Amino acid sequence: MKVLHNMHPEDAKHYDSKRLRDSFLCEDLFQLNKINVVYSHIDRLVALGIMPNGVEKLFLDQVIDKKSFGTDFFLQRRELGIINLGGPALIETEQESYTLAHFDALYLGKETENIVFSSLDTKQPAVLYGLSVPAHHQFPNKLIKYAEARKVKLGSLDNANARTINQYLHPDILPTCQLCMGMTELETGSVWNTMPAHTHERRMEAYLYFDIAPDQVVFHFLGEPQETRHIVVRDKQLIISPSWSIHSGCGTKNYRFVWGMAGENQTFDDMDFIEMNDLR
């Protein structure tokens, strides 16, 4: 399990590229036939990268270090959202099983036990990305198909940011304790996400960038609005963004990313926008 610690914005001003990458970026979240775990002390968010090989099953509670969480099983006091970025997947729990096609999502509520992952096609392994945060209430598990996500179109080709936001774990779709989660898809010719930039002091955010070709990159911008920094991001790499930081990206080509938020509220448009003239 990789552990990422919180940091003060005054300290982050002095980070070089390596320190920025060590503090905010997860480069190897997905490895075939493994469950990789990243624990962030920012709102105690946990990211999971799960790639079953189509032959063997992967058992979540067998790879979780119980000492790190102080519980008998992973979701004893947590909730979990999962989006499938690969081939068809089967996710089993103590009582139920769910089949996830490409871009389907699953919410697993507090107290869900014995979670098992498998791929249904050995030639197209599932690529399951999960985010988990502490939970105070048990809400029902729910499968959200790609077509059922709430779709919001934003931006324009003139500003190179025409995009569709697919909201999966959102108050209009299902109740959760604090986790919100969705996927943004940029249209051909659009490369900017979330610009003008914003912060939300009441919530942190995590970005998993994907569908980036091997010869392409995304420049992710972070830091305080008057002390911006950037990190070069490649396919299926994760950025953890504290609440004091902007979180915006510009690619050398269009791409997709999964966003997840946790914190004080679930109001999607609760954002403190930064005027373009105020960015430094």
Protein backbone atom coordinates (compact mmCIF):
# COMPACT_ATOMS: atom_id res chain seq x y z
CA MET A 1 0.00 0.00 0.00
CA LYS A 2 1.33 3.39 -1.00
CA VAL A 3 0.73 6.18 1.55
CA LEU A 4 0.48 9.84 0.58
CA HIS A 5 0.67 12.44 3.33
CA ASN A 6 -0.98 15.84 3.48
CA MET A 7 1.10 18.98 3.00
CA HIS A 8 0.87 22.69 3.77
CA PRO A 9 0.50 25.02 0.75
CA GLU A 10 3.43 27.13 2.00
CA ASP A 11 5.64 24.03 1.81
CA ALA A 12 4.37 22.97 -1.62
CA LYS A 13 5.56 26.28 -3.09
CA HIS A 14 9.13 25.03 -2.80
CA TYR A 15 8.72 21.54 -4.28
CA ASP A 16 10.74 20.62 -7.38
CA SER A 17 9.27 18.34 -10.07
CA LYS A 18 10.31 15.12 -8.31
CA ARG A 19 8.84 16.22 -4.98
CA LEU A 20 5.61 17.31 -6.67
CA ARG A 21 5.31 13.92 -8.36
CA ASP A 22 6.13 12.04 -5.16
CA SER A 23 3.52 14.03 -3.21
CA PHE A 24 0.59 14.22 -5.64
CA LEU A 25 1.01 11.58 -8.38
CA CYS A 26 0.44 7.80 -8.47
CA GLU A 27 2.09 6.37 -11.59
CA ASP A 28 1.59 2.58 -11.33
CA LEU A 29 -1.92 2.11 -9.99
CA PHE A 30 -2.84 -0.66 -12.45
CA GLN A 31 -0.94 -3.93 -12.78
CA LEU A 32 -2.31 -7.15 -14.24
CA ASN A 33 -3.74 -9.60 -11.69
CA LYS A 34 -3.16 -7.26 -8.76
CA ILE A 35 -5.07 -4.92 -6.47
CA ASN A 36 -3.00 -1.83 -5.77
CA VAL A 37 -3.95 0.42 -2.87
CA VAL A 38 -3.12 4.10 -2.34
CA TYR A 39 -3.98 5.65 1.03
CA SER A 40 -4.12 9.45 1.11
CA HIS A 41 -4.23 11.34 4.40
CA ILE A 42 -6.19 14.04 2.52
CA ASP A 43 -9.71 13.25 3.76
CA ARG A 44 -8.52 9.64 4.25
CA LEU A 45 -9.30 8.83 0.63
CA VAL A 46 -8.26 5.42 -0.67
CA ALA A 47 -7.72 4.72 -4.38
CA LEU A 48 -7.79 1.20 -5.79
CA GLY A 49 -6.40 -0.09 -9.08
CA ILE A 50 -7.80 -3.56 -9.87
CA MET A 51 -6.93 -5.65 -12.95
CA PRO A 52 -8.11 -9.30 -12.81
CA ASN A 53 -6.50 -11.42 -15.53
CA GLY A 54 -9.66 -13.32 -16.47
CA VAL A 55 -8.45 -16.57 -14.91
CA GLU A 56 -8.08 -15.86 -11.20
CA LYS A 57 -10.28 -13.89 -8.84
CA LEU A 58 -8.97 -11.01 -6.73
CA PHE A 59 -10.19 -10.75 -3.13
CA LEU A 60 -10.22 -7.21 -1.73
CA ASP A 61 -10.07 -8.07 1.96
CA GLN A 62 -7.05 -10.32 1.40
CA VAL A 63 -4.88 -7.41 0.24
CA ILE A 64 -6.06 -4.78 2.71
CA ASP A 65 -3.78 -4.22 5.69
CA LYS A 66 -6.23 -4.37 8.59
CA LYS A 67 -3.81 -2.58 10.90
CA SER A 68 -3.83 0.46 8.63
CA PHE A 69 -7.61 0.77 8.81
CA GLY A 70 -8.31 -0.59 12.29
CA THR A 71 -11.35 -2.57 11.09
CA ASP A 72 -12.22 -6.21 10.47
CA PHE A 73 -12.86 -5.68 6.74
CA PHE A 74 -12.34 -2.83 4.29
CA LEU A 75 -15.88 -1.38 4.08
CA GLN A 76 -16.76 -1.85 7.73
CA ARG A 77 -16.68 1.95 8.12
CA ARG A 78 -16.27 3.04 4.48
CA GLU A 79 -18.10 3.37 1.16
CA LEU A 80 -16.66 2.58 -2.27
CA GLY A 81 -17.26 3.71 -5.85
CA ILE A 82 -15.90 1.73 -8.82
CA ILE A 83 -15.80 2.56 -12.54
CA ASN A 84 -14.81 -0.03 -15.13
CA LEU A 85 -12.37 1.34 -17.71
CA GLY A 86 -11.70 -2.01 -19.40
CA GLY A 87 -13.40 -5.21 -20.51
CA PRO A 88 -16.44 -6.78 -18.79
CA ALA A 89 -16.08 -7.39 -15.07
CA LEU A 90 -17.84 -9.38 -12.39
CA ILE A 91 -17.91 -7.97 -8.85
CA GLU A 92 -19.26 -10.26 -6.13
CA THR A 93 -20.17 -9.46 -2.53
CA GLU A 94 -21.50 -11.51 0.40
CA GLN A 95 -25.09 -11.29 -0.91
CA GLU A 96 -25.00 -10.07 -4.54
CA SER A 97 -23.06 -10.01 -7.79
CA TYR A 98 -22.82 -7.30 -10.46
CA THR A 99 -21.68 -7.37 -14.09
CA LEU A 100 -20.00 -4.15 -15.23
CA ALA A 101 -19.56 -3.37 -18.92
CA HIS A 102 -17.13 -0.74 -20.21
CA PHE A 103 -17.73 2.58 -18.39
CA ASP A 104 -20.31 1.13 -15.97
CA ALA A 105 -20.04 2.07 -12.30
CA LEU A 106 -20.88 0.43 -8.98
CA TYR A 107 -21.53 1.89 -5.55
CA LEU A 108 -20.86 -0.35 -2.55
CA GLY A 109 -22.09 0.96 0.76
CA LYS A 110 -20.79 0.71 4.29
CA GLU A 111 -20.61 -2.82 5.77
CA THR A 112 -20.40 -4.61 2.41
CA GLU A 113 -18.25 -7.71 2.93
CA ASN A 114 -16.28 -10.29 0.93
CA ILE A 115 -15.77 -8.26 -2.25
CA VAL A 116 -14.32 -10.29 -5.12
CA PHE A 117 -13.27 -9.07 -8.58
CA SER A 118 -12.89 -11.02 -11.83
CA SER A 119 -12.67 -10.39 -15.56
CA LEU A 120 -15.14 -12.08 -17.91
CA ASP A 121 -12.86 -11.94 -20.97
CA THR A 122 -9.22 -13.01 -20.81
CA LYS A 123 -8.45 -11.04 -23.98
CA GLN A 124 -9.95 -7.83 -22.55
CA PRO A 125 -9.25 -7.70 -18.81
CA ALA A 126 -11.34 -5.43 -16.65
CA VAL A 127 -9.66 -2.23 -15.46
CA LEU A 128 -11.47 -1.29 -12.26
CA TYR A 129 -10.76 2.05 -10.62
CA GLY A 130 -12.10 2.54 -7.12
CA LEU A 131 -12.32 5.40 -4.63
CA SER A 132 -13.25 4.91 -1.00
CA VAL A 133 -13.85 7.33 1.88
CA PRO A 134 -15.10 7.00 5.47
CA ALA A 135 -18.87 6.55 5.81
CA HIS A 136 -21.26 7.12 8.70
CA HIS A 137 -24.40 5.50 7.26
CA GLN A 138 -25.23 2.41 5.25
CA PHE A 139 -26.78 3.14 1.85
CA PRO A 140 -27.88 0.45 -0.64
CA ASN A 141 -25.43 -0.90 -3.18
CA LYS A 142 -26.24 0.13 -6.74
CA LEU A 143 -25.05 -0.55 -10.29
CA ILE A 144 -25.05 2.54 -12.52
CA LYS A 145 -24.85 1.80 -16.23
CA TYR A 146 -23.00 4.21 -18.49
CA ALA A 147 -26.29 5.19 -20.17
CA GLU A 148 -27.84 5.94 -16.75
CA ALA A 149 -25.19 8.45 -15.69
CA ARG A 150 -26.36 12.07 -15.54
CA LYS A 151 -24.77 13.72 -18.58
CA VAL A 152 -23.86 17.41 -18.57
CA LYS A 153 -22.34 19.10 -21.61
CA LEU A 154 -20.01 22.02 -20.95
CA GLY A 155 -17.50 24.18 -22.80
CA SER A 156 -17.03 24.88 -26.50
CA LEU A 157 -14.71 24.00 -29.35
CA ASP A 158 -13.76 27.68 -29.58
CA ASN A 159 -12.22 27.38 -26.12
CA ALA A 160 -10.87 23.86 -26.78
CA ASN A 161 -12.86 22.49 -23.83
CA ALA A 162 -16.06 20.92 -25.23
CA ARG A 163 -16.74 18.01 -22.91
CA THR A 164 -19.38 15.73 -21.44
CA ILE A 165 -19.47 15.16 -17.68
CA ASN A 166 -20.93 11.78 -16.71
CA GLN A 167 -22.11 11.93 -13.10
CA TYR A 168 -22.38 8.46 -11.51
CA LEU A 169 -22.14 8.90 -7.74
CA HIS A 170 -24.17 12.09 -7.53
CA PRO A 171 -27.17 13.11 -5.36
CA ASP A 172 -29.44 13.06 -8.44
CA ILE A 173 -28.51 9.40 -9.08
CA LEU A 174 -28.19 7.80 -5.64
CA PRO A 175 -27.49 8.67 -1.99
CA THR A 176 -23.95 8.36 -0.59
CA CYS A 177 -22.38 9.58 2.63
CA GLN A 178 -19.82 11.90 1.06
CA LEU A 179 -18.32 10.32 -2.06
CA CYS A 180 -19.05 11.88 -5.46
CA MET A 181 -17.64 10.34 -8.61
CA GLY A 182 -17.91 10.68 -12.37
CA MET A 183 -16.11 10.69 -15.70
CA THR A 184 -15.38 13.54 -18.10
CA GLU A 185 -14.92 12.97 -21.84
CA LEU A 186 -13.33 15.63 -24.02
CA GLU A 187 -14.41 15.96 -27.65
CA THR A 188 -11.96 15.69 -30.52
CA GLY A 189 -10.06 18.97 -30.77
CA SER A 190 -10.63 19.84 -27.09
CA VAL A 191 -7.76 19.55 -24.63
CA TRP A 192 -8.62 21.72 -21.60
CA ASN A 193 -10.58 20.55 -18.60
CA THR A 194 -11.85 22.83 -15.84
CA MET A 195 -10.55 26.17 -17.10
CA PRO A 196 -11.10 28.82 -15.77
CA ALA A 197 -9.69 26.98 -12.78
CA HIS A 198 -11.33 26.72 -9.39
CA THR A 199 -10.78 25.54 -5.85
CA HIS A 200 -13.27 24.25 -3.29
CA GLU A 201 -11.96 24.56 0.24
CA ARG A 202 -14.75 22.28 1.41
CA ARG A 203 -13.73 19.26 -0.68
CA MET A 204 -10.67 17.50 -2.02
CA GLU A 205 -10.58 15.96 -5.49
CA ALA A 206 -8.80 13.12 -7.27
CA TYR A 207 -8.24 12.89 -11.04
CA LEU A 208 -7.46 9.63 -12.84
CA TYR A 209 -6.41 10.45 -16.41
CA PHE A 210 -6.84 7.76 -19.06
CA ASP A 211 -7.20 7.14 -22.80
CA ILE A 212 -3.93 9.02 -23.29
CA ALA A 213 -1.93 7.59 -26.22
CA PRO A 214 1.67 6.48 -25.46
CA ASP A 215 3.10 9.44 -27.38
CA GLN A 216 0.76 11.98 -25.71
CA VAL A 217 0.66 13.60 -22.25
CA VAL A 218 -1.53 15.80 -20.08
CA PHE A 219 -0.13 18.74 -18.15
CA HIS A 220 -2.00 18.80 -14.84
CA PHE A 221 -2.00 22.17 -13.09
CA LEU A 222 -2.14 22.40 -9.33
CA GLY A 223 -1.11 24.67 -6.46
CA GLU A 224 -2.57 27.85 -5.04
CA PRO A 225 -4.00 30.17 -7.71
CA GLN A 226 -1.07 32.60 -7.34
CA GLU A 227 1.52 29.81 -7.05
CA THR A 228 0.61 27.35 -9.79
CA ARG A 229 2.69 24.30 -10.63
CA HIS A 230 2.34 21.49 -13.15
CA ILE A 231 2.89 17.74 -13.34
CA VAL A 232 3.24 15.77 -16.58
CA VAL A 233 0.72 12.92 -16.48
CA ARG A 234 0.44 9.81 -18.66
CA ASP A 235 -2.18 7.13 -19.22
CA LYS A 236 -3.96 5.74 -16.14
CA GLN A 237 -2.09 7.93 -13.68
CA LEU A 238 -3.73 9.47 -10.63
CA ILE A 239 -3.46 12.96 -9.14
CA ILE A 240 -4.54 13.61 -5.54
CA SER A 241 -5.53 17.26 -5.12
CA PRO A 242 -5.92 18.95 -1.72
CA SER A 243 -8.75 21.42 -1.18
CA TRP A 244 -6.47 24.48 -1.37
CA SER A 245 -5.22 23.58 -4.84
CA ILE A 246 -6.57 24.25 -8.29
CA HIS A 247 -7.02 21.12 -10.43
CA SER A 248 -7.00 21.61 -14.16
CA GLY A 249 -5.39 19.89 -17.11
CA CYS A 250 -4.37 20.47 -20.70
CA GLY A 251 -3.50 17.59 -23.01
CA THR A 252 -1.60 17.30 -26.24
CA LYS A 253 -4.77 15.57 -27.53
CA ASN A 254 -8.25 14.91 -26.16
CA TYR A 255 -8.51 12.36 -23.31
CA ARG A 256 -10.80 11.22 -20.50
CA PHE A 257 -10.53 11.34 -16.74
CA VAL A 258 -12.40 10.05 -13.71
CA TRP A 259 -12.95 12.59 -10.96
CA GLY A 260 -13.85 11.87 -7.38
CA MET A 261 -14.59 14.22 -4.49
CA ALA A 262 -15.01 13.94 -0.74
CA GLY A 263 -15.46 16.49 2.01
CA GLU A 264 -18.04 18.74 3.62
CA ASN A 265 -20.78 18.65 0.97
CA GLN A 266 -21.91 17.03 -2.28
CA THR A 267 -22.92 20.19 -4.15
CA PHE A 268 -21.26 19.71 -7.52
CA ASP A 269 -21.21 23.40 -8.46
CA ASP A 270 -19.85 24.57 -5.08
CA MET A 271 -16.67 25.98 -6.63
CA ASP A 272 -14.59 29.09 -6.01
CA PHE A 273 -13.68 30.14 -9.54
CA ILE A 274 -10.41 31.93 -10.19
CA GLU A 275 -10.37 34.83 -12.64
CA MET A 276 -7.92 34.23 -15.49
CA ASN A 277 -6.19 37.53 -14.68
CA ASP A 278 -5.55 36.30 -11.12
CA LEU A 279 -3.67 33.11 -12.06
CA ARG A 280 0.08 33.19 -11.59
